[in-house]
């Protein structure tokens, strides 16, 4: 028997996206955002939902671009920090000891220390309620050489992304490998 929890913003896994932008003066900024994910295959797109009150919201609207940075578990403190303070008041890159890298494709910075970054051009904006959904077309994915497997594919176990649990407010790592997608279920299909 399942227990009703009511209408809440809980889904698992919940990513910890670190959104990179420039402000009007060209200062690089970061923000932690959990409301987001892949939203289209062709063109490849990712979405993030932000409140209008955030500094990053205005930066995305003004610049028409953002990056989605994936922090590894070793940077959980830095990822949490950039969600605690506003870029209006603090240089988050400097305070967290992170290095901004200017994208060559979009008008936004990515984080040198994080293993993976998606460079996104703003494609659509949708006001939903408290949050606005920003859809970014992924123009490129930058990843460190050591997060690829032997077949040249990004390895989730090497990236070691941070996950957030909205119900208990904790950060978690990725669990064990369970089996190949689009393959493991064939055992049931063949019955």
Protein backbone atom coordinates (compact mmCIF):
# COMPACT_ATOMS: atom_id res chain seq x y z
CA UNK A 1 0.00 0.00 0.00
CA UNK A 2 1.39 3.39 -0.97
CA UNK A 3 1.09 6.46 1.25
CA UNK A 4 -0.11 9.72 -0.29
CA UNK A 5 2.33 12.62 0.03
CA UNK A 6 0.23 15.22 -1.78
CA UNK A 7 1.38 17.51 -4.58
CA UNK A 8 5.08 18.12 -3.97
CA UNK A 9 8.21 18.82 -5.99
CA UNK A 10 9.84 15.44 -5.49
CA UNK A 11 11.31 13.28 -8.23
CA UNK A 12 14.32 10.98 -8.17
CA UNK A 13 16.99 11.40 -9.23
CA UNK A 14 17.11 15.17 -8.93
CA UNK A 15 20.20 16.66 -10.57
CA UNK A 16 22.43 19.31 -9.09
CA UNK A 17 23.00 21.62 -12.04
CA UNK A 18 25.44 24.49 -11.62
CA UNK A 19 24.29 27.15 -14.06
CA UNK A 20 26.96 29.52 -15.38
CA UNK A 21 26.20 33.01 -16.73
CA UNK A 22 27.71 36.45 -17.20
CA UNK A 23 26.05 39.53 -15.73
CA UNK A 24 25.67 42.89 -17.50
CA UNK A 25 29.21 43.89 -16.52
CA UNK A 26 30.70 40.61 -17.75
CA UNK A 27 31.27 39.15 -14.26
CA UNK A 28 30.96 35.35 -14.31
CA UNK A 29 28.32 33.91 -12.00
CA UNK A 30 27.16 30.49 -10.83
CA UNK A 31 23.92 29.19 -9.39
CA UNK A 32 22.81 25.79 -8.13
CA UNK A 33 19.57 24.62 -9.76
CA UNK A 34 17.79 21.31 -9.22
CA UNK A 35 14.74 21.83 -11.40
CA UNK A 36 16.00 20.70 -14.78
CA UNK A 37 16.88 17.95 -17.20
CA UNK A 38 17.12 16.92 -20.83
CA UNK A 39 13.96 18.03 -22.63
CA UNK A 40 14.55 17.35 -26.34
CA UNK A 41 16.66 15.02 -28.49
CA UNK A 42 16.69 16.96 -31.75
CA UNK A 43 17.87 19.60 -31.35
CA UNK A 44 19.61 18.47 -28.17
CA UNK A 45 18.19 20.61 -25.37
CA UNK A 46 18.32 20.91 -21.60
CA UNK A 47 15.99 22.85 -19.36
CA UNK A 48 16.42 24.67 -16.07
CA UNK A 49 13.67 26.37 -14.09
CA UNK A 50 14.55 29.48 -12.12
CA UNK A 51 12.70 32.05 -10.05
CA UNK A 52 12.66 35.61 -11.43
CA UNK A 53 14.23 36.80 -8.16
CA UNK A 54 17.52 35.04 -8.93
CA UNK A 55 20.47 36.92 -10.36
CA UNK A 56 20.97 34.16 -12.91
CA UNK A 57 17.45 34.66 -14.29
CA UNK A 58 18.29 38.18 -15.44
CA UNK A 59 21.67 37.09 -16.77
CA UNK A 60 20.13 34.41 -18.99
CA UNK A 61 17.48 36.81 -20.31
CA UNK A 62 20.11 39.48 -21.06
CA UNK A 63 22.82 37.23 -22.54
CA UNK A 64 20.65 34.57 -24.20
CA UNK A 65 22.99 31.84 -23.04
CA UNK A 66 24.02 29.69 -20.08
CA UNK A 67 26.09 26.66 -19.22
CA UNK A 68 25.04 23.65 -17.20
CA UNK A 69 27.99 22.40 -15.20
CA UNK A 70 28.06 18.97 -13.59
CA UNK A 71 30.08 18.96 -10.38
CA UNK A 72 31.61 15.72 -9.19
CA UNK A 73 31.13 14.49 -5.62
CA UNK A 74 34.45 16.02 -4.54
CA UNK A 75 32.96 19.49 -5.22
CA UNK A 76 29.76 19.07 -3.19
CA UNK A 77 30.69 21.93 -0.82
CA UNK A 78 31.32 24.32 -3.70
CA UNK A 79 28.10 23.24 -5.43
CA UNK A 80 26.12 23.82 -2.25
CA UNK A 81 27.82 27.18 -1.64
CA UNK A 82 26.83 28.66 -5.02
CA UNK A 83 23.21 27.98 -4.09
CA UNK A 84 23.48 29.75 -0.74
CA UNK A 85 24.54 33.26 -1.79
CA UNK A 86 23.59 35.70 -4.54
CA UNK A 87 25.87 36.74 -7.36
CA UNK A 88 24.61 40.28 -6.82
CA UNK A 89 26.64 40.36 -3.60
CA UNK A 90 29.46 37.86 -4.06
CA UNK A 91 31.90 36.70 -6.74
CA UNK A 92 30.97 33.04 -6.37
CA UNK A 93 33.80 31.75 -8.56
CA UNK A 94 36.42 33.49 -6.42
CA UNK A 95 34.79 32.65 -3.09
CA UNK A 96 34.45 28.95 -3.99
CA UNK A 97 37.96 28.75 -5.45
CA UNK A 98 36.64 27.85 -8.90
CA UNK A 99 37.94 28.96 -12.30
CA UNK A 100 35.66 30.46 -14.96
CA UNK A 101 36.37 29.44 -18.53
CA UNK A 102 34.90 31.59 -21.32
CA UNK A 103 32.92 29.47 -23.74
CA UNK A 104 33.89 29.91 -27.36
CA UNK A 105 30.33 29.03 -28.45
CA UNK A 106 27.98 30.87 -26.10
CA UNK A 107 28.08 34.02 -23.99
CA UNK A 108 28.51 32.18 -20.69
CA UNK A 109 31.31 30.70 -18.57
CA UNK A 110 31.82 27.11 -17.49
CA UNK A 111 33.72 25.72 -14.50
CA UNK A 112 37.24 24.42 -15.20
CA UNK A 113 37.32 22.14 -12.16
CA UNK A 114 34.03 20.33 -12.85
CA UNK A 115 34.26 17.27 -15.12
CA UNK A 116 31.46 18.22 -17.50
CA UNK A 117 29.76 21.31 -18.95
CA UNK A 118 26.95 21.83 -21.44
CA UNK A 119 27.17 25.06 -23.49
CA UNK A 120 23.66 26.28 -24.20
CA UNK A 121 22.05 28.92 -26.37
CA UNK A 122 18.69 30.09 -25.00
CA UNK A 123 16.00 28.65 -27.27
CA UNK A 124 12.72 29.09 -25.36
CA UNK A 125 11.37 30.66 -22.20
CA UNK A 126 8.13 29.56 -20.56
CA UNK A 127 6.65 31.19 -17.49
CA UNK A 128 4.98 28.46 -15.45
CA UNK A 129 4.21 30.01 -12.07
CA UNK A 130 6.84 30.76 -9.45
CA UNK A 131 9.49 29.46 -11.88
CA UNK A 132 10.37 30.22 -15.48
CA UNK A 133 11.53 27.32 -17.63
CA UNK A 134 14.57 28.12 -19.76
CA UNK A 135 15.24 25.72 -22.62
CA UNK A 136 18.78 25.81 -23.90
CA UNK A 137 19.96 24.21 -27.11
CA UNK A 138 23.12 22.28 -26.28
CA UNK A 139 25.75 23.48 -28.76
CA UNK A 140 28.54 21.41 -27.22
CA UNK A 141 29.45 19.29 -24.21
CA UNK A 142 32.89 19.75 -22.75
CA UNK A 143 34.24 16.91 -20.58
CA UNK A 144 37.54 16.05 -18.94
CA UNK A 145 39.47 13.26 -20.67
CA UNK A 146 39.48 11.10 -17.53
CA UNK A 147 35.66 10.76 -17.38
CA UNK A 148 35.38 8.69 -20.57
CA UNK A 149 35.26 4.89 -20.55
CA UNK A 150 37.32 2.57 -22.77
CA UNK A 151 34.74 2.97 -25.57
CA UNK A 152 34.99 6.79 -25.50
CA UNK A 153 31.62 7.31 -23.80
CA UNK A 154 31.02 9.52 -20.78
CA UNK A 155 31.01 7.34 -17.67
CA UNK A 156 28.57 8.30 -14.92
CA UNK A 157 30.79 6.43 -12.46
CA UNK A 158 33.77 8.55 -13.50
CA UNK A 159 31.86 11.86 -13.63
CA UNK A 160 30.40 11.05 -10.18
CA UNK A 161 27.63 13.68 -10.36
CA UNK A 162 25.89 14.96 -7.27
CA UNK A 163 22.23 14.13 -6.76
CA UNK A 164 19.87 15.96 -4.43
CA UNK A 165 17.00 14.46 -2.44
CA UNK A 166 14.29 17.14 -2.19
CA UNK A 167 12.40 15.35 0.58
CA UNK A 168 15.28 14.96 3.05
CA UNK A 169 17.44 17.81 1.67
CA UNK A 170 20.55 15.63 1.36
CA UNK A 171 23.17 15.24 -1.33
CA UNK A 172 23.97 11.78 -2.67
CA UNK A 173 26.30 10.07 -5.11
CA UNK A 174 25.48 7.65 -7.91
CA UNK A 175 24.84 4.03 -6.97
CA UNK A 176 25.99 0.81 -8.57
CA UNK A 177 25.62 -0.26 -12.20
CA UNK A 178 22.43 -2.32 -12.70
CA UNK A 179 22.59 -3.33 -16.35
CA UNK A 180 22.39 -2.03 -19.92
CA UNK A 181 19.45 0.19 -20.90
CA UNK A 182 17.21 -1.06 -23.71
CA UNK A 183 18.64 -4.52 -23.10
CA UNK A 184 18.01 -5.69 -19.54
CA UNK A 185 14.22 -5.62 -20.02
CA UNK A 186 14.38 -7.99 -22.97
CA UNK A 187 14.27 -10.87 -20.48
CA UNK A 188 10.65 -9.90 -19.73
CA UNK A 189 9.80 -9.04 -23.34
CA UNK A 190 10.82 -12.52 -24.48
CA UNK A 191 8.44 -14.32 -22.07
